[in-house]
Amino acid sequence: MVSPRPSLALALRHRLPLVASYGLVLLAVAIIGLPLLWMVLGSVKTNREIYTLPPPWLPAELRWQNFVEAWNAAPFDRFYLNTIITTLAGVGLELVNAVLTAYALAFLRFPKKNLVFVLLLAALMIPTQVTILPNYLTLSNVFGQSWINTYQGIVLPGAATAFGAFLLRQSFLGLPREVLDAAKVDGCGHLRLLWDVVLPMARPVLVTFGLISLVAKWNDYLWPLIVTNQDVMRTLTVGLTYLFDAEGNTDWGPIMAASIFVIVPLLVVYVWAQKYIIEGITAGATKG
């Protein structure tokens, strides 16, 4: 009789990489998820429970008052409005700029195109912090008037995106040339080719870049902090600092509750946009 041990050992050897992969995924989920879980639980705890060692995971009593205190501690309704306006405007301008730049670099012929692309890549190496002072000095005297504490002052410096143009250019170059050539034979001009052919086929990468831009604009802290100095123009990320006590007597429950105010809209948008990414990928996979 043949012993089953060799076949069992062979099966375990084949499944070991799969088990290791799942183990790494679970580890990554734990590293990312545990701080979020701690924040959610801390938002309904008292300050005493948060500072207790060892800290209890579950509160003795749910303290929903933290959300009310956080909302009333600063004008969060105005912060929400400012963040929504600047985020939507910033993402829209970035998408338009990136799409048009990527299309020109991928399909148009013009002098020094390769040099322009090299300069675009060089722009990716410049830290954002380096551009803050020149942008501030420029906005402080635009057309003879200051754009400090304005929506355009928050949005316009971030309208150009070297990363988005590079990402979309690489995606456009990977589109099937046969479809593009057939559209040109049918008489499509550049704008119609872009709108009716290129953008639908590149929908997954468009949505992906849109999400990246949305998260970056929504979570931006440094530039809105510098370019605004009035409460009516502050954004959510800057508004969170209003809850910190300068003397160190910070009540962390309301701060964690306010952090949920910031995070929840991003989670909702991600859940909504995820299906479009999947639909775009599956639609592209089924085209012959």
C-alpha atoms as a PDB file:
ATOM      1  CA  MET A   1       0.000   0.000   0.000  1.00  0.00           C
ATOM      2  CA  VAL A   2       1.324   3.440  -0.966  1.00  0.00           C
ATOM      3  CA  SER A   3       1.690   5.841   1.943  1.00  0.00           C
ATOM      4  CA  PRO A   4      -0.395   9.029   1.642  1.00  0.00           C
ATOM      5  CA  ARG A   5       2.295  11.105   3.318  1.00  0.00           C
ATOM      6  CA  PRO A   6       4.136  12.186   0.119  1.00  0.00           C
ATOM      7  CA  SER A   7       0.912  13.450  -1.482  1.00  0.00           C
ATOM      8  CA  LEU A   8      -0.044  15.266   1.728  1.00  0.00           C
ATOM      9  CA  ALA A   9       3.388  16.884   1.934  1.00  0.00           C
ATOM     10  CA  LEU A  10       3.155  17.871  -1.718  1.00  0.00           C
ATOM     11  CA  ALA A  11      -0.271  19.443  -1.163  1.00  0.00           C
ATOM     12  CA  LEU A  12       0.981  21.377   1.843  1.00  0.00           C
ATOM     13  CA  ARG A  13       3.969  22.586  -0.166  1.00  0.00           C
ATOM     14  CA  HIS A  14       1.689  23.891  -2.916  1.00  0.00           C
ATOM     15  CA  ARG A  15      -0.660  25.589  -0.451  1.00  0.00           C
ATOM     16  CA  LEU A  16       2.077  27.171   1.663  1.00  0.00           C
ATOM     17  CA  PRO A  17       2.494  30.249  -0.604  1.00  0.00           C
ATOM     18  CA  LEU A  18      -1.283  30.758  -0.623  1.00  0.00           C
ATOM     19  CA  VAL A  19      -1.474  30.498   3.162  1.00  0.00           C
ATOM     20  CA  ALA A  20       1.458  32.892   3.513  1.00  0.00           C
ATOM     21  CA  SER A  21      -0.224  35.373   1.147  1.00  0.00           C
ATOM     22  CA  TYR A  22      -3.450  35.300   3.140  1.00  0.00           C
ATOM     23  CA  GLY A  23      -1.445  35.699   6.331  1.00  0.00           C
ATOM     24  CA  LEU A  24       0.286  38.823   4.996  1.00  0.00           C
ATOM     25  CA  VAL A  25      -3.049  40.262   3.868  1.00  0.00           C
ATOM     26  CA  LEU A  26      -4.547  39.683   7.320  1.00  0.00           C
ATOM     27  CA  LEU A  27      -1.491  41.296   8.902  1.00  0.00           C
ATOM     28  CA  ALA A  28      -1.855  44.358   6.654  1.00  0.00           C
ATOM     29  CA  VAL A  29      -5.570  44.583   7.477  1.00  0.00           C
ATOM     30  CA  ALA A  30      -4.774  44.405  11.190  1.00  0.00           C
ATOM     31  CA  ILE A  31      -2.096  47.106  10.934  1.00  0.00           C
ATOM     32  CA  ILE A  32      -4.451  49.424   9.058  1.00  0.00           C
ATOM     33  CA  GLY A  33      -7.714  48.465  10.744  1.00  0.00           C
ATOM     34  CA  LEU A  34      -6.751  48.401  14.440  1.00  0.00           C
ATOM     35  CA  PRO A  35      -5.970  52.150  14.648  1.00  0.00           C
ATOM     36  CA  LEU A  36      -9.272  52.900  12.889  1.00  0.00           C
ATOM     37  CA  LEU A  37     -11.107  50.595  15.286  1.00  0.00           C
ATOM     38  CA  TRP A  38      -9.410  52.281  18.222  1.00  0.00           C
ATOM     39  CA  MET A  39     -10.473  55.692  16.893  1.00  0.00           C
ATOM     40  CA  VAL A  40     -14.109  54.585  16.479  1.00  0.00           C
ATOM     41  CA  LEU A  41     -14.216  53.093  19.972  1.00  0.00           C
ATOM     42  CA  GLY A  42     -12.392  56.089  21.433  1.00  0.00           C
ATOM     43  CA  SER A  43     -15.011  58.425  19.979  1.00  0.00           C
ATOM     44  CA  VAL A  44     -17.582  57.029  22.448  1.00  0.00           C
ATOM     45  CA  LYS A  45     -15.256  56.788  25.466  1.00  0.00           C
ATOM     46  CA  THR A  46     -14.538  59.176  28.281  1.00  0.00           C
ATOM     47  CA  ASN A  47     -11.122  60.776  28.556  1.00  0.00           C
ATOM     48  CA  ARG A  48     -10.440  58.706  31.651  1.00  0.00           C
ATOM     49  CA  GLU A  49     -11.063  55.432  29.805  1.00  0.00           C
ATOM     50  CA  ILE A  50      -8.757  56.521  26.966  1.00  0.00           C
ATOM     51  CA  TYR A  51      -5.902  57.255  29.396  1.00  0.00           C
ATOM     52  CA  THR A  52      -6.411  54.066  31.449  1.00  0.00           C
ATOM     53  CA  LEU A  53      -3.572  51.525  31.308  1.00  0.00           C
ATOM     54  CA  PRO A  54      -4.062  48.893  30.107  1.00  0.00           C
ATOM     55  CA  PRO A  55      -6.679  50.580  27.933  1.00  0.00           C
ATOM     56  CA  PRO A  56     -10.112  48.898  27.750  1.00  0.00           C
ATOM     57  CA  TRP A  57     -11.257  48.192  24.206  1.00  0.00           C
ATOM     58  CA  LEU A  58     -14.963  48.558  24.970  1.00  0.00           C
ATOM     59  CA  PRO A  59     -16.300  51.578  26.874  1.00  0.00           C
ATOM     60  CA  ALA A  60     -18.319  51.054  30.024  1.00  0.00           C
ATOM     61  CA  GLU A  61     -20.984  53.334  28.563  1.00  0.00           C
ATOM     62  CA  LEU A  62     -21.333  54.789  25.078  1.00  0.00           C
ATOM     63  CA  ARG A  63     -20.681  58.518  25.286  1.00  0.00           C
ATOM     64  CA  TRP A  64     -22.429  59.953  22.212  1.00  0.00           C
ATOM     65  CA  GLN A  65     -22.009  63.401  23.715  1.00  0.00           C
ATOM     66  CA  ASN A  66     -18.496  63.448  22.236  1.00  0.00           C
ATOM     67  CA  PHE A  67     -19.960  63.958  18.756  1.00  0.00           C
ATOM     68  CA  VAL A  68     -22.124  66.861  19.939  1.00  0.00           C
ATOM     69  CA  GLU A  69     -19.192  68.487  21.732  1.00  0.00           C
ATOM     70  CA  ALA A  70     -16.946  68.054  18.685  1.00  0.00           C
ATOM     71  CA  TRP A  71     -19.520  69.586  16.330  1.00  0.00           C
ATOM     72  CA  ASN A  72     -20.141  72.544  18.643  1.00  0.00           C
ATOM     73  CA  ALA A  73     -16.473  73.161  19.434  1.00  0.00           C
ATOM     74  CA  ALA A  74     -15.890  74.710  15.999  1.00  0.00           C
ATOM     75  CA  PRO A  75     -18.002  75.756  12.978  1.00  0.00           C
ATOM     76  CA  PHE A  76     -17.821  72.328  11.342  1.00  0.00           C
ATOM     77  CA  ASP A  77     -20.767  73.083   9.052  1.00  0.00           C
ATOM     78  CA  ARG A  78     -18.696  75.841   7.444  1.00  0.00           C
ATOM     79  CA  PHE A  79     -15.609  73.628   7.400  1.00  0.00           C
ATOM     80  CA  TYR A  80     -17.594  70.951   5.557  1.00  0.00           C
ATOM     81  CA  LEU A  81     -18.844  73.438   2.974  1.00  0.00           C
ATOM     82  CA  ASN A  82     -15.350  74.804   2.354  1.00  0.00           C
ATOM     83  CA  THR A  83     -13.849  71.324   2.059  1.00  0.00           C
ATOM     84  CA  ILE A  84     -16.536  70.101  -0.353  1.00  0.00           C
ATOM     85  CA  ILE A  85     -16.160  73.166  -2.584  1.00  0.00           C
ATOM     86  CA  THR A  86     -12.365  73.103  -2.695  1.00  0.00           C
ATOM     87  CA  THR A  87     -12.200  69.321  -3.107  1.00  0.00           C
ATOM     88  CA  LEU A  88     -14.696  69.101  -5.976  1.00  0.00           C
ATOM     89  CA  ALA A  89     -13.198  72.102  -7.754  1.00  0.00           C
ATOM     90  CA  GLY A  90      -9.650  70.829  -7.240  1.00  0.00           C
ATOM     91  CA  VAL A  91     -10.415  67.296  -8.427  1.00  0.00           C
ATOM     92  CA  GLY A  92     -12.306  68.617 -11.469  1.00  0.00           C
ATOM     93  CA  LEU A  93      -9.473  70.921 -12.513  1.00  0.00           C
ATOM     94  CA  GLU A  94      -6.880  68.185 -11.971  1.00  0.00           C
ATOM     95  CA  LEU A  95      -8.839  65.692 -14.081  1.00  0.00           C
ATOM     96  CA  VAL A  96      -9.337  68.155 -16.948  1.00  0.00           C
ATOM     97  CA  ASN A  97      -5.707  69.232 -16.847  1.00  0.00           C
ATOM     98  CA  ALA A  98      -4.401  65.672 -16.641  1.00  0.00           C
ATOM     99  CA  VAL A  99      -6.668  64.347 -19.421  1.00  0.00           C
ATOM    100  CA  LEU A 100      -5.816  67.110 -21.889  1.00  0.00           C
ATOM    101  CA  THR A 101      -2.088  66.992 -21.125  1.00  0.00           C
ATOM    102  CA  ALA A 102      -1.976  63.201 -21.349  1.00  0.00           C
ATOM    103  CA  TYR A 103      -3.888  63.168 -24.649  1.00  0.00           C
ATOM    104  CA  ALA A 104      -1.515  65.729 -26.157  1.00  0.00           C
ATOM    105  CA  LEU A 105       1.566  63.803 -25.031  1.00  0.00           C
ATOM    106  CA  ALA A 106       0.137  60.478 -26.222  1.00  0.00           C
ATOM    107  CA  PHE A 107      -1.463  61.287 -29.582  1.00  0.00           C
ATOM    108  CA  LEU A 108      -0.486  64.747 -30.831  1.00  0.00           C
ATOM    109  CA  ARG A 109       2.668  65.746 -32.668  1.00  0.00           C
ATOM    110  CA  PHE A 110       4.330  69.019 -31.746  1.00  0.00           C
ATOM    111  CA  PRO A 111       7.924  70.280 -31.461  1.00  0.00           C
ATOM    112  CA  LYS A 112       9.950  69.246 -28.407  1.00  0.00           C
ATOM    113  CA  LYS A 113       7.272  66.827 -27.196  1.00  0.00           C
ATOM    114  CA  ASN A 114       9.840  64.529 -25.610  1.00  0.00           C
ATOM    115  CA  LEU A 115      11.419  67.490 -23.826  1.00  0.00           C
ATOM    116  CA  VAL A 116       8.028  68.468 -22.429  1.00  0.00           C
ATOM    117  CA  PHE A 117       7.547  64.920 -21.167  1.00  0.00           C
ATOM    118  CA  VAL A 118      10.983  64.944 -19.520  1.00  0.00           C
ATOM    119  CA  LEU A 119      10.146  68.231 -17.802  1.00  0.00           C
ATOM    120  CA  LEU A 120       6.896  66.673 -16.641  1.00  0.00           C
ATOM    121  CA  LEU A 121       8.811  63.791 -15.096  1.00  0.00           C
ATOM    122  CA  ALA A 122      11.213  66.261 -13.480  1.00  0.00           C
ATOM    123  CA  ALA A 123       8.247  68.038 -11.881  1.00  0.00           C
ATOM    124  CA  LEU A 124       7.412  64.798 -10.066  1.00  0.00           C
ATOM    125  CA  MET A 125      10.703  65.094  -8.180  1.00  0.00           C
ATOM    126  CA  ILE A 126       9.935  68.540  -6.734  1.00  0.00           C
ATOM    127  CA  PRO A 127       8.492  68.349  -3.188  1.00  0.00           C
ATOM    128  CA  THR A 128       5.227  70.185  -2.685  1.00  0.00           C
ATOM    129  CA  GLN A 129       6.680  72.066   0.274  1.00  0.00           C
ATOM    130  CA  VAL A 130       9.181  73.813  -2.024  1.00  0.00           C
ATOM    131  CA  THR A 131       6.370  75.500  -3.980  1.00  0.00           C
ATOM    132  CA  ILE A 132       4.447  76.820  -0.975  1.00  0.00           C
ATOM    133  CA  LEU A 133       6.341  80.106  -0.558  1.00  0.00           C
ATOM    134  CA  PRO A 134       6.342  81.050  -4.290  1.00  0.00           C
ATOM    135  CA  ASN A 135       2.641  80.184  -4.541  1.00  0.00           C
ATOM    136  CA  TYR A 136       1.805  82.259  -1.483  1.00  0.00           C
ATOM    137  CA  LEU A 137       3.755  85.290  -2.736  1.00  0.00           C
ATOM    138  CA  THR A 138       2.069  84.990  -6.134  1.00  0.00           C
ATOM    139  CA  LEU A 139      -1.447  84.697  -4.700  1.00  0.00           C
ATOM    140  CA  SER A 140      -0.910  87.592  -2.308  1.00  0.00           C
ATOM    141  CA  ASN A 141      -0.816  89.970  -5.281  1.00  0.00           C
ATOM    142  CA  VAL A 142      -2.683  88.536  -8.272  1.00  0.00           C
ATOM    143  CA  PHE A 143      -3.871  91.204 -10.709  1.00  0.00           C
ATOM    144  CA  GLY A 144      -3.346  93.786  -8.003  1.00  0.00           C
ATOM    145  CA  GLN A 145      -5.518  92.037  -5.411  1.00  0.00           C
ATOM    146  CA  SER A 146      -4.973  89.354  -2.822  1.00  0.00           C
ATOM    147  CA  TRP A 147      -6.353  85.850  -3.233  1.00  0.00           C
ATOM    148  CA  ILE A 148      -5.594  84.931   0.364  1.00  0.00           C
ATOM    149  CA  ASN A 149      -8.704  83.588   2.149  1.00  0.00           C
ATOM    150  CA  THR A 150     -10.430  82.759  -1.131  1.00  0.00           C
ATOM    151  CA  TYR A 151     -11.548  79.518  -2.744  1.00  0.00           C
ATOM    152  CA  GLN A 152      -9.476  80.187  -5.851  1.00  0.00           C
ATOM    153  CA  GLY A 153      -6.443  80.708  -3.647  1.00  0.00           C
ATOM    154  CA  ILE A 154      -6.915  77.257  -2.124  1.00  0.00           C
ATOM    155  CA  VAL A 155      -7.729  75.452  -5.373  1.00  0.00           C
ATOM    156  CA  LEU A 156      -5.682  76.912  -8.232  1.00  0.00           C
ATOM    157  CA  PRO A 157      -2.111  76.132  -7.044  1.00  0.00           C
ATOM    158  CA  GLY A 158      -3.033  72.444  -7.015  1.00  0.00           C
ATOM    159  CA  ALA A 159      -4.770  72.391 -10.401  1.00  0.00           C
ATOM    160  CA  ALA A 160      -1.644  71.252 -12.262  1.00  0.00           C
ATOM    161  CA  THR A 161      -0.770  67.596 -11.765  1.00  0.00           C
ATOM    162  CA  ALA A 162       2.368  66.024 -13.185  1.00  0.00           C
ATOM    163  CA  PHE A 163       1.516  62.639 -11.654  1.00  0.00           C
ATOM    164  CA  GLY A 164      -1.974  62.566 -13.166  1.00  0.00           C
ATOM    165  CA  ALA A 165      -0.710  63.538 -16.614  1.00  0.00           C
ATOM    166  CA  PHE A 166       1.973  60.841 -16.475  1.00  0.00           C
ATOM    167  CA  LEU A 167      -0.439  58.174 -15.224  1.00  0.00           C
ATOM    168  CA  LEU A 168      -3.072  58.903 -17.877  1.00  0.00           C
ATOM    169  CA  ARG A 169      -0.493  59.194 -20.664  1.00  0.00           C
ATOM    170  CA  GLN A 170       0.783  55.717 -19.905  1.00  0.00           C
ATOM    171  CA  SER A 171      -2.806  54.436 -19.857  1.00  0.00           C
ATOM    172  CA  PHE A 172      -3.686  56.127 -23.166  1.00  0.00           C
ATOM    173  CA  LEU A 173      -0.615  54.632 -24.854  1.00  0.00           C
ATOM    174  CA  GLY A 174      -1.852  51.175 -23.854  1.00  0.00           C
ATOM    175  CA  LEU A 175      -5.215  51.542 -25.584  1.00  0.00           C
ATOM    176  CA  PRO A 176      -5.805  49.400 -28.702  1.00  0.00           C
ATOM    177  CA  ARG A 177      -4.599  51.327 -31.736  1.00  0.00           C
ATOM    178  CA  GLU A 178      -7.065  49.559 -34.012  1.00  0.00           C
ATOM    179  CA  VAL A 179     -10.033  51.181 -32.256  1.00  0.00           C
ATOM    180  CA  LEU A 180      -8.417  54.616 -32.373  1.00  0.00           C
ATOM    181  CA  ASP A 181      -7.512  54.267 -36.065  1.00  0.00           C
ATOM    182  CA  ALA A 182     -11.043  53.107 -36.920  1.00  0.00           C
ATOM    183  CA  ALA A 183     -12.495  56.145 -35.139  1.00  0.00           C
ATOM    184  CA  LYS A 184     -10.187  58.456 -37.102  1.00  0.00           C
ATOM    185  CA  VAL A 185     -11.242  56.795 -40.365  1.00  0.00           C
ATOM    186  CA  ASP A 186     -14.884  57.439 -39.418  1.00  0.00           C
ATOM    187  CA  GLY A 187     -14.073  61.137 -39.178  1.00  0.00           C
ATOM    188  CA  CYS A 188     -13.591  61.640 -35.448  1.00  0.00           C
ATOM    189  CA  GLY A 189     -11.773  64.827 -34.538  1.00  0.00           C
ATOM    190  CA  HIS A 190      -9.550  65.092 -31.493  1.00  0.00           C
ATOM    191  CA  LEU A 191     -12.271  66.209 -29.086  1.00  0.00           C
ATOM    192  CA  ARG A 192     -14.754  63.553 -30.201  1.00  0.00           C
ATOM    193  CA  LEU A 193     -12.039  60.890 -30.199  1.00  0.00           C
ATOM    194  CA  LEU A 194     -11.117  61.886 -26.656  1.00  0.00           C
ATOM    195  CA  TRP A 195     -14.698  62.034 -25.365  1.00  0.00           C
ATOM    196  CA  ASP A 196     -16.280  59.072 -27.170  1.00  0.00           C
ATOM    197  CA  VAL A 197     -13.385  56.631 -27.471  1.00  0.00           C
ATOM    198  CA  VAL A 198     -10.390  57.340 -25.239  1.00  0.00           C
ATOM    199  CA  LEU A 199     -12.137  58.293 -22.005  1.00  0.00           C
ATOM    200  CA  PRO A 200     -14.618  55.356 -21.966  1.00  0.00           C
ATOM    201  CA  MET A 201     -11.821  52.852 -22.520  1.00  0.00           C
ATOM    202  CA  ALA A 202      -9.646  54.528 -19.864  1.00  0.00           C
ATOM    203  CA  ARG A 203     -12.437  54.732 -17.278  1.00  0.00           C
ATOM    204  CA  PRO A 204     -10.752  52.503 -14.655  1.00  0.00           C
ATOM    205  CA  VAL A 205      -7.598  54.611 -14.507  1.00  0.00           C
ATOM    206  CA  LEU A 206      -9.686  57.817 -14.580  1.00  0.00           C
ATOM    207  CA  VAL A 207     -11.694  56.713 -11.559  1.00  0.00           C
ATOM    208  CA  THR A 208      -8.526  55.544  -9.820  1.00  0.00           C
ATOM    209  CA  PHE A 209      -6.790  58.867 -10.352  1.00  0.00           C
ATOM    210  CA  GLY A 210      -9.968  60.679  -9.346  1.00  0.00           C
ATOM    211  CA  LEU A 211      -9.981  58.817  -6.034  1.00  0.00           C
ATOM    212  CA  ILE A 212      -6.298  59.554  -5.449  1.00  0.00           C
ATOM    213  CA  SER A 213      -6.886  63.233  -6.155  1.00  0.00           C
ATOM    214  CA  LEU A 214     -10.030  63.286  -4.003  1.00  0.00           C
ATOM    215  CA  VAL A 215      -8.247  61.817  -0.982  1.00  0.00           C
ATOM    216  CA  ALA A 216      -5.310  64.200  -1.412  1.00  0.00           C
ATOM    217  CA  LYS A 217      -7.533  67.286  -1.698  1.00  0.00           C
ATOM    218  CA  TRP A 218      -9.819  66.255   1.151  1.00  0.00           C
ATOM    219  CA  ASN A 219      -6.909  65.527   3.512  1.00  0.00           C
ATOM    220  CA  ASP A 220      -4.742  68.484   2.490  1.00  0.00           C
ATOM    221  CA  TYR A 221      -3.639  70.382   5.577  1.00  0.00           C
ATOM    222  CA  LEU A 222      -0.531  72.483   5.005  1.00  0.00           C
ATOM    223  CA  TRP A 223      -1.643  74.649   2.067  1.00  0.00           C
ATOM    224  CA  PRO A 224      -5.151  75.491   3.418  1.00  0.00           C
ATOM    225  CA  LEU A 225      -3.519  76.327   6.759  1.00  0.00           C
ATOM    226  CA  ILE A 226      -1.109  78.784   5.142  1.00  0.00           C
ATOM    227  CA  VAL A 227      -3.381  80.407   2.568  1.00  0.00           C
ATOM    228  CA  THR A 228      -6.286  81.011   4.994  1.00  0.00           C
ATOM    229  CA  ASN A 229      -6.359  82.855   8.309  1.00  0.00           C
ATOM    230  CA  GLN A 230     -10.109  83.279   8.871  1.00  0.00           C
ATOM    231  CA  ASP A 231     -12.486  80.716  10.346  1.00  0.00           C
ATOM    232  CA  VAL A 232     -14.974  81.141   7.501  1.00  0.00           C
ATOM    233  CA  MET A 233     -12.407  79.805   4.997  1.00  0.00           C
ATOM    234  CA  ARG A 234     -10.874  76.968   7.006  1.00  0.00           C
ATOM    235  CA  THR A 235     -11.218  73.349   5.887  1.00  0.00           C
ATOM    236  CA  LEU A 236     -11.948  70.228   7.935  1.00  0.00           C
ATOM    237  CA  THR A 237      -8.340  69.167   8.420  1.00  0.00           C
ATOM    238  CA  VAL A 238      -7.404  72.603   9.729  1.00  0.00           C
ATOM    239  CA  GLY A 239     -10.586  72.734  11.801  1.00  0.00           C
ATOM    240  CA  LEU A 240      -9.565  69.599  13.694  1.00  0.00           C
ATOM    241  CA  THR A 241      -6.760  71.568  15.335  1.00  0.00           C
ATOM    242  CA  TYR A 242      -9.364  73.783  17.016  1.00  0.00           C
ATOM    243  CA  LEU A 243     -10.140  70.897  19.368  1.00  0.00           C
ATOM    244  CA  PHE A 244      -6.585  70.590  20.719  1.00  0.00           C
ATOM    245  CA  ASP A 245      -5.797  72.355  23.983  1.00  0.00           C
ATOM    246  CA  ALA A 246      -2.655  74.501  23.884  1.00  0.00           C
ATOM    247  CA  GLU A 247      -1.822  73.551  27.503  1.00  0.00           C
ATOM    248  CA  GLY A 248      -2.031  69.814  26.849  1.00  0.00           C
ATOM    249  CA  ASN A 249      -5.402  69.172  28.539  1.00  0.00           C
ATOM    250  CA  THR A 250      -6.871  67.677  25.387  1.00  0.00           C
ATOM    251  CA  ASP A 251     -10.152  65.784  25.496  1.00  0.00           C
ATOM    252  CA  TRP A 252      -9.479  62.981  23.021  1.00  0.00           C
ATOM    253  CA  GLY A 253     -13.033  61.681  22.780  1.00  0.00           C
ATOM    254  CA  PRO A 254     -14.365  64.693  20.829  1.00  0.00           C
ATOM    255  CA  ILE A 255     -11.189  64.748  18.704  1.00  0.00           C
ATOM    256  CA  MET A 256     -11.720  61.136  17.643  1.00  0.00           C
ATOM    257  CA  ALA A 257     -15.386  61.918  16.989  1.00  0.00           C
ATOM    258  CA  ALA A 258     -14.348  64.878  14.814  1.00  0.00           C
ATOM    259  CA  SER A 259     -11.900  62.620  12.973  1.00  0.00           C
ATOM    260  CA  ILE A 260     -14.838  60.400  12.049  1.00  0.00           C
ATOM    261  CA  PHE A 261     -16.507  63.492  10.546  1.00  0.00           C
ATOM    262  CA  VAL A 262     -13.514  63.730   8.211  1.00  0.00           C
ATOM    263  CA  ILE A 263     -13.126  60.035   7.346  1.00  0.00           C
ATOM    264  CA  VAL A 264     -16.725  58.913   6.764  1.00  0.00           C
ATOM    265  CA  PRO A 265     -17.314  60.921   3.523  1.00  0.00           C
ATOM    266  CA  LEU A 266     -14.177  59.411   1.986  1.00  0.00           C
ATOM    267  CA  LEU A 267     -15.335  55.891   2.857  1.00  0.00           C
ATOM    268  CA  VAL A 268     -18.747  56.550   1.308  1.00  0.00           C
ATOM    269  CA  VAL A 269     -17.176  57.887  -1.894  1.00  0.00           C
ATOM    270  CA  TYR A 270     -14.805  54.917  -2.095  1.00  0.00           C
ATOM    271  CA  VAL A 271     -17.621  52.380  -1.701  1.00  0.00           C
ATOM    272  CA  TRP A 272     -19.623  54.207  -4.378  1.00  0.00           C
ATOM    273  CA  ALA A 273     -16.721  54.492  -6.830  1.00  0.00           C
ATOM    274  CA  GLN A 274     -15.419  50.962  -6.346  1.00  0.00           C
ATOM    275  CA  LYS A 275     -18.159  49.439  -8.502  1.00  0.00           C
ATOM    276  CA  TYR A 276     -17.244  51.750 -11.389  1.00  0.00           C
ATOM    277  CA  ILE A 277     -13.634  50.573 -11.218  1.00  0.00           C
ATOM    278  CA  ILE A 278     -14.762  46.937 -11.305  1.00  0.00           C
ATOM    279  CA  GLU A 279     -17.244  47.611 -14.130  1.00  0.00           C
ATOM    280  CA  GLY A 280     -14.564  49.362 -16.160  1.00  0.00           C
ATOM    281  CA  ILE A 281     -12.104  46.521 -15.704  1.00  0.00           C
ATOM    282  CA  THR A 282     -14.620  43.796 -16.568  1.00  0.00           C
ATOM    283  CA  ALA A 283     -15.950  45.761 -19.560  1.00  0.00           C
ATOM    284  CA  GLY A 284     -12.445  46.147 -20.921  1.00  0.00           C
ATOM    285  CA  ALA A 285     -11.732  42.484 -20.405  1.00  0.00           C
ATOM    286  CA  THR A 286     -14.739  41.360 -22.427  1.00  0.00           C
ATOM    287  CA  LYS A 287     -14.028  43.505 -25.486  1.00  0.00           C
ATOM    288  CA  GLY A 288     -12.588  41.553 -28.396  1.00  0.00           C
END
